[in-house]
Each structure stands twice: as C-alpha cells, then as structure tokens.
Amino acid sequence: MTDLFGIPLPALAGQLTLGLINGAFYAMLSLGLTVIFGMLRLINFTHGAQFTLGAFGAWAAMQYFHLPYWGALLLVPLATALLGVLMERTLLRRVYRMDELYQLLLTFGLALIIEGLLSVLYGSSGLPYDNPMPGGIDLGFMFLPYYRAWIIVASLLVCLATWLLIERTRLGAYLRAATESPQLVRTFGINVPRMITLTYGFGVALAALAGVLAAPMDQVKPAMGSGLIITVFAVVVIGGMGSIPGSVVIGFALGLLEALTKVYYPPASSMVIFLVMTAVILTRPAGLFGRPA
C-alpha cells in the first residue's frame, strides 16, 4: 500500500475529501457573509442560525410534507430568504447607521433566539435525514460516496454563479454602486432600500442552501450552525472582508489545511485556522484578497 509521509494513501485521500467538504461549507457560508457585509456593511452573526434553519427546513419539509431532498434544495432556501427579508425590514434596518457593536448584539441575540426555539421544539439530540444519493464510486485508491462528491460540485457551482452575478451582471453593478454611493444610484430611479433587502435575502439563501446540503451529512441539530460560525468568520477575515474570491478560495484552502493537520498533527487541527487568522491580521490586516483601506 502506498504511503505518503507515513500515511496510507487511501486514508490521506479520504481525509482530504472530508477537508474539501468542510471547505465547501466554509466557502458557501463565508460567501453569504461576504455578500451581506460587502453590500450592507452588516456584521451578521445570525448567519449560523440561518444555516441551521436550512437544515431543519429540509427535515421538516420531508417529515411533514413529504417533500423530497431535491425539492427542499430549491424551496427551503427561498423560504428562509423570505424570513430573512422580514427580519431585515423589521429589525436590522434600524441598526444600519449605528455602531457595529449594536449590529453584533442584535444579530447574535437573534441567533440565540432561533437556536433556543429549535431546541425547545425538537430537542438537542439531533434528527436523522436520509442520504438522497446512496452508494459511491471506487476510484482505486479510495471509495468516494456520491453525495460527498455532489456537495463539492454543488458548492463550486453556487460560488461561481454568485461571483458571476455580483461581478459580471448589471444587477451586480447596481449593487456595488449602491454600496459605494447610494444617493447617486437613487438619481437613476433605483430603489436602494429594496436592493439592500434583496441582498440580505440572497445572503440568507446561501446560508440556508448550505444547511440543506449539510442535513444528510450528519444529524440535524439546533447547535450545528453555532459550531461553524466562528470558523466562517475567521475565513472571511483571512480572505478579506467583502472579497468574494477571497471567501471561496480561502474557504476551500482552509478546509484542506484543517484536514492535513488532522492527519499529521491532530492536536493542532482545532486551532490551525485561528493561527492562520492571527498571522494574517498581524501582517495583512485587510486580508489576503482584501484591499487596504
């Protein structure tokens, strides 16, 4: 059996696959955070709870309405985005002009409320969600489950589509212009508050979509988002606040780095991302892909 630095190749390949999957979730969640922060300048600590809502929405759609996974993949992000739009119009809009501390406290409080309600309704032990793509393919050096491959491909497609939407379409140009000079954009007859609301809803939909993708990977639990959100914020800081390429590239890269650390030095795997974040903050505060102020 082929070894690489003392690790059997199948074990290493399997761990790197898990790293890519973790990186896929890091990339999608940090992408949603980046869209919201880049366009709204809002620190959205509710993002992890919205990821959890996506997973619970998929479970509830299957349990109560017999909606299959592929239907949930389309409808649950839309429903969660509508909830996010309602949240933005009634609560978040009031803190845009306030200090960032108020944004952090409000969004963190909303996350705790959502997580608490889910715990009361469903408990904290976790709920199963069936794998919609059982089986896999034997690559010779490892066995690759179909669903794990789907997560990686789906996340890459979503990240690419989001980048094209923001950077290569007229709508994306309006969004960027509204961020930089809302008064100027209003002179062209564009409804800036509506664009802000839709942008927040889009970021929430990305989080919920990641949650639906995550549901078959593990049991659906109220705290599944809170365990990810700190790591995802680290990804955003390393990539650069507001940088879409930074979120995607750094998300996947740090997922792989974390996986390699688990293979070669497991005690450091839980802190390697934060060590990288510390080094980046000290040497390049704007992030690896961010623009210095």
Protein backbone atom coordinates (compact mmCIF):
# COMPACT_ATOMS: atom_id res chain seq x y z
CA MET A 1 0.00 0.00 0.00
CA THR A 2 1.38 3.41 -1.00
CA ASP A 3 2.27 5.75 1.85
CA LEU A 4 2.77 9.50 1.77
CA PHE A 5 4.92 10.75 4.64
CA GLY A 6 3.92 7.69 6.67
CA ILE A 7 0.15 7.94 5.98
CA PRO A 8 -1.56 5.32 3.75
CA LEU A 9 -2.82 6.94 0.54
CA PRO A 10 -6.48 5.82 0.98
CA ALA A 11 -6.59 7.31 4.48
CA LEU A 12 -5.00 10.54 3.29
CA ALA A 13 -7.31 10.80 0.26
CA GLY A 14 -10.36 10.18 2.44
CA GLN A 15 -9.29 12.87 4.88
CA LEU A 16 -8.63 15.34 2.06
CA THR A 17 -12.12 14.61 0.69
CA LEU A 18 -13.56 15.49 4.09
CA GLY A 19 -11.41 18.63 4.02
CA LEU A 20 -12.90 19.60 0.66
CA ILE A 21 -16.40 19.04 2.04
CA ASN A 22 -15.69 21.19 5.10
CA GLY A 23 -14.12 23.74 2.77
CA ALA A 24 -17.26 23.70 0.63
CA PHE A 25 -19.37 24.66 3.64
CA TYR A 26 -16.80 27.25 4.77
CA ALA A 27 -16.83 28.76 1.26
CA MET A 28 -20.62 28.91 0.91
CA LEU A 29 -21.22 30.32 4.38
CA SER A 30 -18.40 32.85 4.15
CA LEU A 31 -19.68 33.82 0.69
CA GLY A 32 -23.07 34.65 2.19
CA LEU A 33 -21.41 36.66 4.95
CA THR A 34 -19.25 38.46 2.41
CA VAL A 35 -22.23 39.39 0.23
CA ILE A 36 -24.08 40.79 3.24
CA PHE A 37 -21.09 42.64 4.68
CA GLY A 38 -19.76 43.82 1.32
CA MET A 39 -23.08 45.27 0.23
CA LEU A 40 -24.72 46.23 3.54
CA ARG A 41 -21.72 46.67 5.87
CA LEU A 42 -23.64 44.48 8.33
CA ILE A 43 -21.95 42.01 10.69
CA ASN A 44 -24.45 39.15 10.52
CA PHE A 45 -23.97 36.77 13.45
CA THR A 46 -27.39 35.26 12.64
CA HIS A 47 -25.78 33.52 9.66
CA GLY A 48 -25.04 30.30 11.55
CA ALA A 49 -28.64 30.10 12.78
CA GLN A 50 -29.87 30.64 9.21
CA PHE A 51 -27.68 27.73 8.13
CA THR A 52 -29.37 25.67 10.86
CA LEU A 53 -32.81 26.83 9.65
CA GLY A 54 -31.94 25.49 6.21
CA ALA A 55 -31.14 22.04 7.62
CA PHE A 56 -34.24 21.99 9.85
CA GLY A 57 -36.35 23.27 6.95
CA ALA A 58 -35.24 20.33 4.81
CA TRP A 59 -36.02 17.90 7.64
CA ALA A 60 -39.43 19.46 8.34
CA ALA A 61 -40.32 19.52 4.63
CA MET A 62 -39.56 15.80 4.41
CA GLN A 63 -41.23 14.91 7.73
CA TYR A 64 -44.43 16.95 7.46
CA PHE A 65 -44.94 17.49 3.72
CA HIS A 66 -43.05 14.51 2.24
CA LEU A 67 -41.03 16.92 0.11
CA PRO A 68 -38.01 15.11 -1.35
CA TYR A 69 -34.48 16.38 -0.97
CA TRP A 70 -34.34 17.95 -4.44
CA GLY A 71 -37.49 19.92 -3.78
CA ALA A 72 -36.14 21.08 -0.42
CA LEU A 73 -32.93 22.16 -2.12
CA LEU A 74 -34.96 24.70 -4.12
CA LEU A 75 -37.80 25.70 -1.78
CA VAL A 76 -36.16 25.80 1.67
CA PRO A 77 -33.55 28.47 0.76
CA LEU A 78 -36.34 30.58 -0.74
CA ALA A 79 -38.50 30.23 2.38
CA THR A 80 -35.55 31.03 4.65
CA ALA A 81 -34.68 34.03 2.47
CA LEU A 82 -38.24 35.35 2.90
CA LEU A 83 -37.82 35.03 6.66
CA GLY A 84 -34.53 36.91 6.35
CA VAL A 85 -36.23 39.65 4.33
CA LEU A 86 -38.84 40.04 7.06
CA MET A 87 -36.06 40.21 9.66
CA GLU A 88 -34.19 42.85 7.65
CA ARG A 89 -37.23 45.06 7.12
CA THR A 90 -38.44 44.96 10.72
CA LEU A 91 -35.22 44.76 12.79
CA LEU A 92 -31.89 45.03 11.01
CA ARG A 93 -32.77 48.17 9.07
CA ARG A 94 -32.86 50.05 12.39
CA VAL A 95 -29.17 49.42 13.15
CA TYR A 96 -27.50 50.15 9.78
CA ARG A 97 -26.43 53.63 10.82
CA MET A 98 -25.49 52.61 14.36
CA ASP A 99 -22.16 51.43 15.71
CA GLU A 100 -21.12 47.91 14.65
CA LEU A 101 -21.49 46.76 18.26
CA TYR A 102 -25.28 47.18 18.02
CA GLN A 103 -25.32 45.10 14.83
CA LEU A 104 -23.31 42.37 16.51
CA LEU A 105 -25.52 42.32 19.61
CA LEU A 106 -28.77 42.28 17.63
CA THR A 107 -27.74 39.55 15.18
CA PHE A 108 -26.13 37.45 17.93
CA GLY A 109 -29.28 37.78 20.02
CA LEU A 110 -31.44 36.70 17.07
CA ALA A 111 -29.19 33.67 16.59
CA LEU A 112 -29.63 32.67 20.23
CA ILE A 113 -33.42 33.06 19.94
CA ILE A 114 -33.58 30.86 16.82
CA GLU A 115 -31.33 28.20 18.34
CA GLY A 116 -33.32 28.26 21.59
CA LEU A 117 -36.66 27.88 19.82
CA LEU A 118 -35.36 24.92 17.78
CA SER A 119 -34.05 23.29 20.96
CA VAL A 120 -37.44 23.68 22.67
CA LEU A 121 -39.34 22.31 19.68
CA TYR A 122 -37.04 19.45 18.63
CA GLY A 123 -34.58 18.86 21.45
CA SER A 124 -30.81 18.89 21.16
CA SER A 125 -30.05 15.23 20.43
CA GLY A 126 -30.32 15.51 16.65
CA LEU A 127 -32.71 14.35 13.91
CA PRO A 128 -31.77 11.98 11.05
CA TYR A 129 -32.08 12.90 7.38
CA ASP A 130 -31.75 10.14 4.79
CA ASN A 131 -28.95 10.24 2.25
CA PRO A 132 -30.59 11.14 -1.11
CA MET A 133 -27.65 9.70 -3.09
CA PRO A 134 -26.58 6.37 -1.55
CA GLY A 135 -23.61 4.48 -2.90
CA GLY A 136 -20.41 5.71 -4.42
CA ILE A 137 -17.62 5.06 -6.86
CA ASP A 138 -14.40 3.10 -6.35
CA LEU A 139 -11.51 5.24 -7.57
CA GLY A 140 -8.94 2.54 -6.90
CA PHE A 141 -7.11 4.40 -4.16
CA MET A 142 -10.31 5.34 -2.26
CA PHE A 143 -14.10 4.97 -2.22
CA LEU A 144 -15.90 8.25 -2.99
CA PRO A 145 -19.56 8.46 -1.88
CA TYR A 146 -21.78 10.08 -4.46
CA TYR A 147 -23.25 12.57 -2.00
CA ARG A 148 -19.87 13.86 -0.88
CA ALA A 149 -18.89 14.44 -4.50
CA TRP A 150 -22.23 16.23 -5.04
CA ILE A 151 -21.57 18.63 -2.16
CA ILE A 152 -18.20 19.65 -3.59
CA VAL A 153 -19.56 20.13 -7.12
CA ALA A 154 -22.71 21.94 -5.96
CA SER A 155 -20.76 24.37 -3.76
CA LEU A 156 -18.36 25.19 -6.60
CA LEU A 157 -21.27 25.87 -8.95
CA VAL A 158 -23.02 28.09 -6.37
CA CYS A 159 -19.83 30.04 -5.66
CA LEU A 160 -19.16 30.55 -9.38
CA ALA A 161 -22.75 31.64 -10.04
CA THR A 162 -22.62 34.12 -7.16
CA TRP A 163 -19.35 35.60 -8.40
CA LEU A 164 -20.76 35.97 -11.93
CA LEU A 165 -23.93 37.60 -10.56
CA ILE A 166 -22.06 40.17 -8.48
CA GLU A 167 -19.15 40.89 -10.82
CA ARG A 168 -20.49 40.33 -14.34
CA THR A 169 -24.13 41.43 -14.44
CA ARG A 170 -25.91 44.78 -14.46
CA LEU A 171 -27.68 43.85 -11.22
CA GLY A 172 -24.33 43.23 -9.58
CA ALA A 173 -23.06 46.57 -10.84
CA TYR A 174 -26.11 48.30 -9.33
CA LEU A 175 -25.49 46.51 -6.02
CA ARG A 176 -21.85 47.59 -5.91
CA ALA A 177 -22.75 51.13 -6.88
CA ALA A 178 -25.47 51.26 -4.21
CA THR A 179 -22.87 50.28 -1.63
CA GLU A 180 -20.43 52.98 -2.65
CA SER A 181 -22.82 55.84 -3.46
CA PRO A 182 -26.50 55.20 -2.63
CA GLN A 183 -27.51 58.82 -3.32
CA LEU A 184 -26.09 58.67 -6.84
CA VAL A 185 -27.85 55.38 -7.56
CA ARG A 186 -31.16 56.85 -6.35
CA THR A 187 -30.87 59.56 -9.00
CA PHE A 188 -31.19 56.84 -11.65
CA GLY A 189 -34.54 55.80 -10.19
CA ILE A 190 -33.27 52.66 -8.46
CA ASN A 191 -34.92 51.67 -5.20
CA VAL A 192 -31.84 51.30 -2.96
CA PRO A 193 -33.66 50.05 0.19
CA ARG A 194 -35.28 47.30 -1.88
CA MET A 195 -31.88 46.30 -3.27
CA ILE A 196 -30.47 46.16 0.25
CA THR A 197 -33.35 43.93 1.36
CA LEU A 198 -32.92 41.59 -1.61
CA THR A 199 -29.16 41.43 -1.00
CA TYR A 200 -29.70 40.36 2.59
CA GLY A 201 -32.24 37.77 1.45
CA PHE A 202 -29.74 36.41 -1.08
CA GLY A 203 -27.06 36.05 1.59
CA VAL A 204 -29.53 34.25 3.85
CA ALA A 205 -30.49 31.93 0.98
CA LEU A 206 -26.83 30.94 0.56
CA ALA A 207 -26.64 30.02 4.25
CA ALA A 208 -29.89 28.02 4.07
CA LEU A 209 -28.74 26.24 0.90
CA ALA A 210 -25.58 25.16 2.72
CA GLY A 211 -27.80 23.93 5.56
CA VAL A 212 -29.89 21.78 3.21
CA LEU A 213 -26.69 20.31 1.74
CA ALA A 214 -25.42 19.58 5.26
CA ALA A 215 -28.59 17.84 6.50
CA PRO A 216 -27.80 14.36 5.07
CA MET A 217 -24.16 14.55 6.21
CA ASP A 218 -24.96 14.44 9.92
CA GLN A 219 -27.89 14.65 12.28
CA VAL A 220 -29.82 17.92 12.16
CA LYS A 221 -29.21 19.73 15.48
CA PRO A 222 -30.01 23.22 16.80
CA ALA A 223 -26.35 23.96 17.53
CA MET A 224 -24.95 22.84 14.16
CA GLY A 225 -24.63 26.41 12.91
CA SER A 226 -23.13 27.91 16.06
CA GLY A 227 -20.26 25.42 15.82
CA LEU A 228 -19.39 26.71 12.35
CA ILE A 229 -19.95 30.45 12.52
CA ILE A 230 -16.75 31.40 14.37
CA THR A 231 -14.65 29.41 11.89
CA VAL A 232 -16.53 31.00 8.99
CA PHE A 233 -15.86 34.49 10.35
CA ALA A 234 -12.17 33.54 10.51
CA VAL A 235 -12.34 32.54 6.84
CA VAL A 236 -13.89 35.90 5.95
CA VAL A 237 -11.20 37.80 7.87
CA ILE A 238 -8.38 35.82 6.25
CA GLY A 239 -9.83 36.19 2.75
CA GLY A 240 -10.65 39.86 3.21
CA MET A 241 -13.91 41.42 4.38
CA GLY A 242 -16.10 41.90 1.32
CA SER A 243 -13.92 39.83 -1.06
CA ILE A 244 -15.92 37.16 -2.89
CA PRO A 245 -12.86 35.39 -4.42
CA GLY A 246 -11.19 35.51 -1.01
CA SER A 247 -14.15 33.77 0.67
CA VAL A 248 -14.24 30.95 -1.87
CA VAL A 249 -10.50 30.32 -2.26
CA ILE A 250 -9.69 30.63 1.44
CA GLY A 251 -12.73 28.54 2.43
CA PHE A 252 -11.57 25.55 0.39
CA ALA A 253 -7.89 26.09 1.22
CA LEU A 254 -8.51 26.18 4.97
CA GLY A 255 -10.72 23.09 4.77
CA LEU A 256 -7.81 21.22 3.18
CA LEU A 257 -5.31 22.67 5.67
CA GLU A 258 -7.50 21.58 8.57
CA ALA A 259 -7.76 18.07 7.09
CA LEU A 260 -3.99 17.76 6.64
CA THR A 261 -3.45 18.95 10.19
CA LYS A 262 -5.84 16.24 11.48
CA VAL A 263 -3.75 13.65 9.64
CA TYR A 264 -0.25 14.75 10.60
CA TYR A 265 -0.77 16.58 13.93
CA PRO A 266 -4.33 16.12 15.27
CA PRO A 267 -3.91 18.24 18.46
CA ALA A 268 -3.49 21.37 16.31
CA SER A 269 -6.44 20.74 13.97
CA SER A 270 -8.93 22.74 16.05
CA MET A 271 -6.76 25.85 16.15
CA VAL A 272 -4.80 25.89 12.88
CA ILE A 273 -7.36 28.17 11.16
CA PHE A 274 -7.17 30.67 14.01
CA LEU A 275 -3.37 30.59 13.95
CA VAL A 276 -3.54 31.49 10.25
CA MET A 277 -6.04 34.24 11.04
CA THR A 278 -3.73 35.70 13.70
CA ALA A 279 -0.79 35.70 11.31
CA VAL A 280 -2.85 37.36 8.56
CA ILE A 281 -4.21 40.05 10.90
CA LEU A 282 -0.68 40.88 12.08
CA THR A 283 0.86 41.01 8.60
CA ARG A 284 -2.01 41.98 6.28
CA PRO A 285 -4.99 43.38 8.24
CA ALA A 286 -7.13 43.78 5.09
CA GLY A 287 -6.93 40.06 4.40
CA LEU A 288 -5.16 38.12 1.66
CA PHE A 289 -7.62 39.23 -1.04
CA GLY A 290 -8.84 42.44 0.57
CA ARG A 291 -7.94 45.98 -0.38
CA PRO A 292 -6.05 48.05 2.21
CA ALA A 293 -8.13 50.95 3.49
